[in-house]
Amino acid sequence: MVLVWQLVLIAIAVLFGSLSEPGEGIPDTGVGSGDGLLAHTYRWDAANYGEIASHAYTSSDVPLRAFYPVFPICVWLVRTISIGTLDPLTAGFLVNTAATWLATVALLKIARFYFSGTRAPWLVVVAFLTAPAAFFLHSFYSEAVFCALGFWAFLFALRRHWLWMGLCLIPLTASRITAAVFVGLCFLEFWRSKDWKPRGLLSWHLLWFPLAFLGLAACMVYMRLRTGSATASFTALKGVEAWSYHVFNPDILATGLNEARITTHALLGDTPLDSWTLVSHVLPFLGLVLLFGSSVYVFLVWRLKGLPLALFGIASIVLLTINSNVVSVHRYLLPCLVMYLALILLGERHPRLHWLVYVVLYANSAIGTALFLRFISGAWAG
């Protein structure tokens, strides 16, 4: 399924990639600037991951430090094993194909913990692969590796294999700061395994949750040695005009209300629904609304069994809006597996609404294809 999905995306890029005028997201020179079969995967932030994979953090480009090293390290390892015979894009494609396969296998097994039938778990996987931002799993980005590590960490938590869970969480925290929500998800599942009793936390397995941040600590140590500042990854965006909209603001309610206002006016036609508004405001905000609804729904249906997933969704909303904007949030929602589980749960509990599941899957595929076409042409897609 994953291989066919990858080939379909390549076919779309080959057949339709040249129909739009090249945008600013296409590199002017070097990797991704040509007409290679995988050149379309190298757009926007992919250039930063490519620089890290090839030259680590030796560049004087300060914003480069905002990108975490696990995916670039995987690309470097594949190239090293191939004795340099593989170019960065091919190595990245192999890494992302393997990681996407691992993520889907884990998600399938996770779904089987919550659904007894044979169809529902597979539909959860389909929901993941047809998500509007799923094409980032195919691109030279870190999404596939992040999802693979996060999903397997949660699967091991469901299986009560705490050692393997911890070994997944450590590299996860070196992949992206939002790994904190997966650490929280696994902790809640650990506590649920103890019937939510405080004394159940008196276990040495609890140590895996603070130890999970060893990955982040390793990144900070490296940044200290490389740049002289352990917090270089957190301060890399300061003074960068292109990312000036990132302003820490714990008042997420104000951010949410502002995005709701922008989305409402755009959808009602009071303000122009241009590409920036659609991609950076409307789609991310609607995604957050669906995440909130999914989190509430799984709790109402599964009660305490669904509480870890519900709180995982709510914590994701907080973490993804704390910088006073929702730009690219639809991409960051990709690992939020509670949304896929909630969609299929709705269809399973209400057979008369099962048609709605397929409508959503089709709509997501259509939106994702449109975003993918924008992405490969170098236009902003998140």
Protein backbone atom coordinates (compact mmCIF):
# COMPACT_ATOMS: atom_id res chain seq x y z
CA MET A 1 0.00 0.00 0.00
CA VAL A 2 2.77 2.43 0.92
CA LEU A 3 4.77 1.65 -2.23
CA VAL A 4 1.72 2.19 -4.45
CA TRP A 5 0.96 5.43 -2.60
CA GLN A 6 4.55 6.63 -3.18
CA LEU A 7 4.38 5.75 -6.88
CA VAL A 8 1.06 7.60 -7.27
CA LEU A 9 2.60 10.78 -5.84
CA ILE A 10 5.60 10.46 -8.17
CA ALA A 11 3.22 9.98 -11.11
CA ILE A 12 1.26 13.10 -10.15
CA ALA A 13 4.48 15.08 -9.96
CA VAL A 14 5.72 13.81 -13.34
CA LEU A 15 2.40 14.32 -15.14
CA PHE A 16 1.29 17.63 -13.67
CA GLY A 17 4.36 19.18 -12.05
CA SER A 18 5.24 21.31 -15.07
CA LEU A 19 1.78 22.85 -15.52
CA SER A 20 2.40 25.69 -13.04
CA GLU A 21 4.96 28.43 -13.11
CA PRO A 22 7.96 27.73 -10.82
CA GLY A 23 7.56 29.36 -7.41
CA GLU A 24 9.98 30.59 -4.78
CA GLY A 25 10.07 27.24 -2.99
CA ILE A 26 12.17 25.66 -5.74
CA PRO A 27 15.95 25.86 -5.15
CA ASP A 28 17.74 28.04 -7.70
CA THR A 29 20.70 25.70 -7.94
CA GLY A 30 21.89 22.35 -6.63
CA VAL A 31 19.71 19.56 -5.26
CA GLY A 32 16.07 19.77 -6.31
CA SER A 33 16.57 22.46 -8.93
CA GLY A 34 16.56 20.07 -11.88
CA ASP A 35 14.09 17.70 -13.50
CA GLY A 36 15.02 14.50 -11.67
CA LEU A 37 12.35 11.98 -10.74
CA LEU A 38 12.51 13.04 -7.06
CA ALA A 39 13.35 16.73 -7.52
CA HIS A 40 9.76 17.64 -6.58
CA THR A 41 10.34 16.34 -3.04
CA TYR A 42 12.95 19.05 -2.40
CA ARG A 43 10.97 22.23 -1.76
CA TRP A 44 10.92 24.94 0.92
CA ASP A 45 12.27 23.62 4.26
CA ALA A 46 13.65 20.51 2.54
CA ALA A 47 16.66 22.62 1.61
CA ASN A 48 17.44 23.08 5.31
CA TYR A 49 17.29 19.35 5.98
CA GLY A 50 19.46 18.76 2.93
CA GLU A 51 22.08 21.20 4.19
CA ILE A 52 22.16 19.50 7.58
CA ALA A 53 22.41 16.03 5.99
CA SER A 54 25.36 17.14 3.85
CA HIS A 55 27.22 19.58 6.09
CA ALA A 56 25.69 19.17 9.58
CA TYR A 57 25.36 22.58 11.23
CA THR A 58 28.61 24.01 9.90
CA SER A 59 26.79 26.67 7.87
CA SER A 60 26.68 30.22 9.23
CA ASP A 61 22.96 30.30 8.41
CA VAL A 62 21.42 30.78 11.87
CA PRO A 63 17.83 29.73 10.97
CA LEU A 64 19.23 26.31 10.02
CA ARG A 65 19.55 25.54 13.73
CA ALA A 66 15.76 25.53 14.11
CA PHE A 67 15.62 22.18 12.31
CA TYR A 68 16.28 19.04 14.31
CA PRO A 69 18.81 16.39 13.21
CA VAL A 70 17.19 12.93 13.29
CA PHE A 71 15.88 12.87 9.71
CA PRO A 72 19.10 14.35 8.25
CA ILE A 73 21.13 11.80 10.23
CA CYS A 74 19.04 8.99 8.73
CA VAL A 75 19.69 10.35 5.24
CA TRP A 76 23.42 10.63 5.98
CA LEU A 77 23.49 7.04 7.28
CA VAL A 78 21.83 5.67 4.15
CA ARG A 79 24.26 7.58 1.95
CA THR A 80 27.19 6.37 4.04
CA ILE A 81 26.05 2.74 3.85
CA SER A 82 25.75 3.12 0.07
CA ILE A 83 29.35 4.42 0.01
CA GLY A 84 28.14 7.64 -1.55
CA THR A 85 26.47 5.96 -4.54
CA LEU A 86 23.06 7.36 -3.57
CA ASP A 87 22.28 11.05 -3.98
CA PRO A 88 20.54 12.88 -1.10
CA LEU A 89 17.08 12.74 -2.69
CA THR A 90 17.20 8.99 -3.29
CA ALA A 91 18.48 8.41 0.23
CA GLY A 92 15.73 10.63 1.62
CA PHE A 93 13.12 8.79 -0.44
CA LEU A 94 14.29 5.43 0.92
CA VAL A 95 14.26 6.76 4.48
CA ASN A 96 10.76 8.20 4.08
CA THR A 97 9.39 5.09 2.38
CA ALA A 98 10.68 2.88 5.19
CA ALA A 99 9.49 5.34 7.85
CA THR A 100 6.02 5.70 6.28
CA TRP A 101 5.73 1.91 6.13
CA LEU A 102 6.73 1.66 9.80
CA ALA A 103 4.24 4.39 10.72
CA THR A 104 1.37 2.67 8.89
CA VAL A 105 2.21 -0.73 10.40
CA ALA A 106 2.20 0.79 13.89
CA LEU A 107 -1.03 2.69 13.20
CA LEU A 108 -2.72 -0.48 11.94
CA LYS A 109 -1.73 -2.33 15.10
CA ILE A 110 -2.80 0.62 17.28
CA ALA A 111 -6.21 0.66 15.58
CA ARG A 112 -6.63 -3.04 16.39
CA PHE A 113 -6.47 -2.14 20.07
CA TYR A 114 -9.57 0.01 19.63
CA PHE A 115 -11.58 -1.79 16.91
CA SER A 116 -12.56 -5.45 16.84
CA GLY A 117 -13.41 -5.75 13.15
CA THR A 118 -11.02 -6.21 10.24
CA ARG A 119 -12.17 -3.26 8.10
CA ALA A 120 -11.93 -0.42 10.61
CA PRO A 121 -8.14 -0.67 11.32
CA TRP A 122 -7.38 -0.55 7.62
CA LEU A 123 -9.64 2.47 7.19
CA VAL A 124 -7.62 4.22 9.91
CA VAL A 125 -4.50 3.66 7.81
CA VAL A 126 -6.28 4.97 4.72
CA ALA A 127 -7.34 8.06 6.68
CA PHE A 128 -3.68 8.66 7.54
CA LEU A 129 -2.40 8.27 3.98
CA THR A 130 -5.16 10.47 2.55
CA ALA A 131 -4.77 13.28 5.09
CA PRO A 132 -4.40 16.70 3.39
CA ALA A 133 -0.78 16.99 4.51
CA ALA A 134 0.18 13.34 3.95
CA PHE A 135 2.34 14.28 0.95
CA PHE A 136 4.91 15.61 3.43
CA LEU A 137 5.59 11.96 4.28
CA HIS A 138 6.75 11.66 0.68
CA SER A 139 8.76 14.89 0.63
CA PHE A 140 12.28 15.55 1.91
CA TYR A 141 10.88 16.46 5.34
CA SER A 142 11.01 14.88 8.79
CA GLU A 143 7.28 14.04 9.04
CA ALA A 144 7.61 10.34 8.13
CA VAL A 145 10.38 9.64 10.65
CA PHE A 146 8.53 11.60 13.34
CA CYS A 147 5.28 9.68 12.77
CA ALA A 148 7.10 6.33 12.74
CA LEU A 149 8.83 6.98 16.06
CA GLY A 150 5.73 8.49 17.68
CA PHE A 151 3.32 5.78 16.56
CA TRP A 152 5.64 2.96 17.59
CA ALA A 153 6.25 4.58 20.97
CA PHE A 154 2.50 4.65 21.58
CA LEU A 155 2.06 1.10 20.28
CA PHE A 156 4.70 -0.15 22.71
CA ALA A 157 2.92 1.75 25.49
CA LEU A 158 -0.34 0.00 24.59
CA ARG A 159 1.54 -3.32 24.70
CA ARG A 160 3.16 -2.33 28.03
CA HIS A 161 6.64 -2.70 26.53
CA TRP A 162 8.09 0.28 28.39
CA LEU A 163 11.72 -0.30 27.41
CA TRP A 164 10.98 -0.19 23.69
CA MET A 165 8.64 2.73 24.21
CA GLY A 166 11.43 4.68 25.87
CA LEU A 167 13.91 3.81 23.14
CA CYS A 168 11.49 5.28 20.59
CA LEU A 169 10.80 8.41 22.63
CA ILE A 170 14.47 9.37 22.99
CA PRO A 171 15.15 9.93 19.26
CA LEU A 172 11.62 11.36 18.95
CA THR A 173 12.50 14.31 21.21
CA ALA A 174 15.54 14.92 19.00
CA SER A 175 13.20 15.12 15.99
CA ARG A 176 10.91 18.01 16.94
CA ILE A 177 9.87 19.89 20.06
CA THR A 178 6.27 18.72 19.61
CA ALA A 179 7.51 15.26 20.63
CA ALA A 180 6.52 16.39 24.13
CA VAL A 181 2.87 15.57 23.38
CA PHE A 182 3.81 11.96 22.51
CA VAL A 183 5.76 11.69 25.76
CA GLY A 184 2.62 12.89 27.52
CA LEU A 185 0.44 10.44 25.57
CA CYS A 186 2.64 7.50 26.52
CA PHE A 187 2.76 8.65 30.15
CA LEU A 188 -1.03 8.80 30.31
CA GLU A 189 -1.26 5.32 28.82
CA PHE A 190 1.29 4.14 31.41
CA TRP A 191 -0.86 5.63 34.18
CA ARG A 192 -3.99 4.10 32.67
CA SER A 193 -2.27 0.71 32.83
CA LYS A 194 -2.07 1.31 36.59
CA ASP A 195 -5.83 2.04 36.75
CA TRP A 196 -5.08 5.75 37.30
CA LYS A 197 -3.91 5.03 40.85
CA PRO A 198 -1.23 7.42 42.20
CA ARG A 199 0.61 4.52 43.83
CA GLY A 200 0.83 2.91 40.41
CA LEU A 201 3.34 5.59 39.48
CA LEU A 202 5.77 4.15 42.00
CA SER A 203 7.52 2.12 39.34
CA TRP A 204 10.99 2.39 37.87
CA HIS A 205 9.36 2.38 34.43
CA LEU A 206 8.26 5.94 35.19
CA LEU A 207 11.89 7.00 34.67
CA TRP A 208 11.52 6.47 30.94
CA PHE A 209 9.47 9.66 30.62
CA PRO A 210 12.13 12.11 31.88
CA LEU A 211 14.77 9.97 30.13
CA ALA A 212 12.86 10.50 26.88
CA PHE A 213 14.24 14.02 26.76
CA LEU A 214 17.79 12.73 26.48
CA GLY A 215 17.35 13.17 22.75
CA LEU A 216 16.57 16.84 23.15
CA ALA A 217 19.40 17.18 25.66
CA ALA A 218 21.84 15.66 23.16
CA CYS A 219 20.74 18.24 20.57
CA MET A 220 21.27 21.04 23.07
CA VAL A 221 24.76 19.77 23.99
CA TYR A 222 25.69 19.61 20.32
CA MET A 223 24.39 23.13 19.74
CA ARG A 224 26.42 24.33 22.72
CA LEU A 225 29.56 22.80 21.26
CA ARG A 226 28.80 23.98 17.73
CA THR A 227 27.41 27.48 18.30
CA GLY A 228 28.21 28.34 21.89
CA SER A 229 24.52 28.33 22.85
CA ALA A 230 22.60 25.30 24.06
CA THR A 231 19.34 27.04 23.21
CA ALA A 232 20.33 27.89 19.63
CA SER A 233 17.47 25.76 18.26
CA PHE A 234 14.94 27.77 20.27
CA THR A 235 16.33 31.20 19.40
CA ALA A 236 17.15 30.53 15.74
CA LEU A 237 13.99 32.25 14.51
CA LYS A 238 14.64 35.53 16.30
CA GLY A 239 15.42 38.36 13.94
CA VAL A 240 14.40 36.35 10.83
CA GLU A 241 11.91 38.52 8.98
CA ALA A 242 10.32 35.62 7.10
CA TRP A 243 9.38 33.99 10.42
CA SER A 244 8.54 37.13 12.37
CA TYR A 245 4.97 35.89 12.91
CA HIS A 246 6.30 33.42 15.49
CA VAL A 247 5.75 35.27 18.76
CA PHE A 248 5.38 33.31 21.98
CA ASN A 249 1.95 33.96 23.44
CA PRO A 250 0.41 31.62 26.04
CA ASP A 251 -3.00 33.21 25.44
CA ILE A 252 -4.02 30.52 22.94
CA LEU A 253 -7.68 31.51 23.26
CA ALA A 254 -6.92 34.91 21.75
CA THR A 255 -5.01 33.21 18.94
CA GLY A 256 -7.89 30.84 18.33
CA LEU A 257 -10.47 33.64 18.26
CA ASN A 258 -8.34 35.64 15.85
CA GLU A 259 -8.00 32.65 13.51
CA ALA A 260 -11.73 31.97 13.78
CA ARG A 261 -12.42 35.58 12.75
CA ILE A 262 -10.05 35.37 9.77
CA THR A 263 -11.52 32.04 8.66
CA THR A 264 -15.14 33.18 9.04
CA HIS A 265 -14.63 36.40 7.08
CA ALA A 266 -12.76 34.51 4.34
CA LEU A 267 -15.40 31.80 4.00
CA LEU A 268 -18.25 34.33 3.99
CA GLY A 269 -16.54 36.38 1.31
CA ASP A 270 -16.06 39.45 3.49
CA THR A 271 -12.31 39.28 2.77
CA PRO A 272 -10.50 37.76 -0.22
CA LEU A 273 -9.82 34.05 0.12
CA ASP A 274 -6.33 34.18 -1.38
CA SER A 275 -3.86 31.31 -1.32
CA TRP A 276 -2.03 32.54 1.80
CA THR A 277 -5.27 32.90 3.77
CA LEU A 278 -6.47 29.47 2.66
CA VAL A 279 -3.22 27.60 3.34
CA SER A 280 -2.00 29.46 6.43
CA HIS A 281 -5.26 30.30 8.19
CA VAL A 282 -8.38 28.51 6.97
CA LEU A 283 -7.06 24.95 6.55
CA PRO A 284 -4.99 24.97 9.77
CA PHE A 285 -7.86 26.44 11.82
CA LEU A 286 -10.40 23.95 10.48
CA GLY A 287 -7.89 21.20 11.23
CA LEU A 288 -7.63 22.38 14.83
CA VAL A 289 -11.42 22.44 15.13
CA LEU A 290 -11.58 18.85 13.87
CA LEU A 291 -8.80 17.84 16.28
CA PHE A 292 -10.73 19.33 19.19
CA GLY A 293 -13.94 17.60 18.09
CA SER A 294 -12.09 14.29 17.63
CA SER A 295 -10.55 14.53 21.10
CA VAL A 296 -13.91 15.21 22.75
CA TYR A 297 -15.61 12.45 20.76
CA VAL A 298 -13.15 9.66 21.62
CA PHE A 299 -13.45 10.56 25.29
CA LEU A 300 -17.26 10.56 25.21
CA VAL A 301 -17.30 7.15 23.50
CA TRP A 302 -14.32 5.35 25.04
CA ARG A 303 -14.29 7.19 28.39
CA LEU A 304 -11.13 6.44 30.39
CA LYS A 305 -9.82 4.20 27.63
CA GLY A 306 -9.85 7.19 25.31
CA LEU A 307 -8.66 9.77 27.85
CA PRO A 308 -4.95 9.58 26.87
CA LEU A 309 -5.84 10.18 23.22
CA ALA A 310 -8.24 12.98 24.12
CA LEU A 311 -5.70 14.81 26.26
CA PHE A 312 -3.07 14.20 23.58
CA GLY A 313 -5.29 16.07 21.13
CA ILE A 314 -5.93 18.97 23.51
CA ALA A 315 -2.23 19.25 24.38
CA SER A 316 -1.40 19.31 20.66
CA ILE A 317 -3.78 22.24 20.16
CA VAL A 318 -2.07 24.16 22.97
CA LEU A 319 1.44 23.45 21.71
CA LEU A 320 0.62 24.25 18.09
CA THR A 321 -0.98 27.63 18.83
CA ILE A 322 1.33 28.94 21.54
CA ASN A 323 3.37 30.92 18.99
CA SER A 324 0.37 33.16 18.22
CA ASN A 325 -0.21 31.70 14.74
CA VAL A 326 -1.40 28.54 12.99
CA VAL A 327 0.86 28.68 9.92
CA SER A 328 1.75 25.12 8.79
CA VAL A 329 -0.41 23.63 11.55
CA HIS A 330 -2.22 21.37 9.08
CA ARG A 331 1.20 19.74 8.51
CA TYR A 332 1.86 19.43 12.22
CA LEU A 333 -1.54 17.75 12.66
CA LEU A 334 -0.39 14.79 10.57
CA PRO A 335 0.91 12.79 13.60
CA CYS A 336 -2.32 13.42 15.56
CA LEU A 337 -3.64 9.88 15.21
CA VAL A 338 -6.69 10.63 17.37
CA MET A 339 -8.27 12.29 14.33
CA TYR A 340 -8.04 9.13 12.21
CA LEU A 341 -9.35 6.95 15.00
CA ALA A 342 -12.26 9.32 15.70
CA LEU A 343 -13.33 9.45 12.05
CA ILE A 344 -13.52 5.66 11.71
CA LEU A 345 -15.10 5.36 15.17
CA LEU A 346 -17.91 7.63 14.00
CA GLY A 347 -18.62 5.38 11.02
CA GLU A 348 -18.43 2.19 13.08
CA ARG A 349 -20.79 3.40 15.81
CA HIS A 350 -23.28 4.93 13.40
CA PRO A 351 -23.56 2.68 10.33
CA ARG A 352 -25.96 5.12 8.69
CA LEU A 353 -23.15 7.67 8.65
CA HIS A 354 -20.60 5.29 7.18
CA TRP A 355 -20.95 7.02 3.81
CA LEU A 356 -19.69 10.19 5.50
CA VAL A 357 -16.36 8.49 6.24
CA TYR A 358 -15.76 7.88 2.53
CA VAL A 359 -16.82 11.43 1.68
CA VAL A 360 -14.25 12.76 4.16
CA LEU A 361 -11.54 10.46 2.80
CA TYR A 362 -12.28 11.64 -0.73
CA ALA A 363 -12.39 15.30 0.28
CA ASN A 364 -9.10 14.96 2.15
CA SER A 365 -7.51 13.31 -0.90
CA ALA A 366 -8.73 16.15 -3.15
CA ILE A 367 -7.41 18.83 -0.80
CA GLY A 368 -4.13 16.96 -0.38
CA THR A 369 -3.68 16.63 -4.13
CA ALA A 370 -4.28 20.35 -4.61
CA LEU A 371 -1.75 21.16 -1.88
CA PHE A 372 0.75 18.69 -3.35
CA LEU A 373 0.48 20.34 -6.78
CA ARG A 374 1.18 23.68 -5.14
CA PHE A 375 4.12 22.23 -3.26
CA ILE A 376 5.85 20.65 -6.27
CA SER A 377 5.48 23.90 -8.23
CA GLY A 378 7.23 25.78 -5.42
CA ALA A 379 4.11 27.57 -4.18
CA TRP A 380 3.47 27.74 -0.44
CA ALA A 381 1.57 24.67 0.81
CA GLY A 382 2.45 24.64 4.50
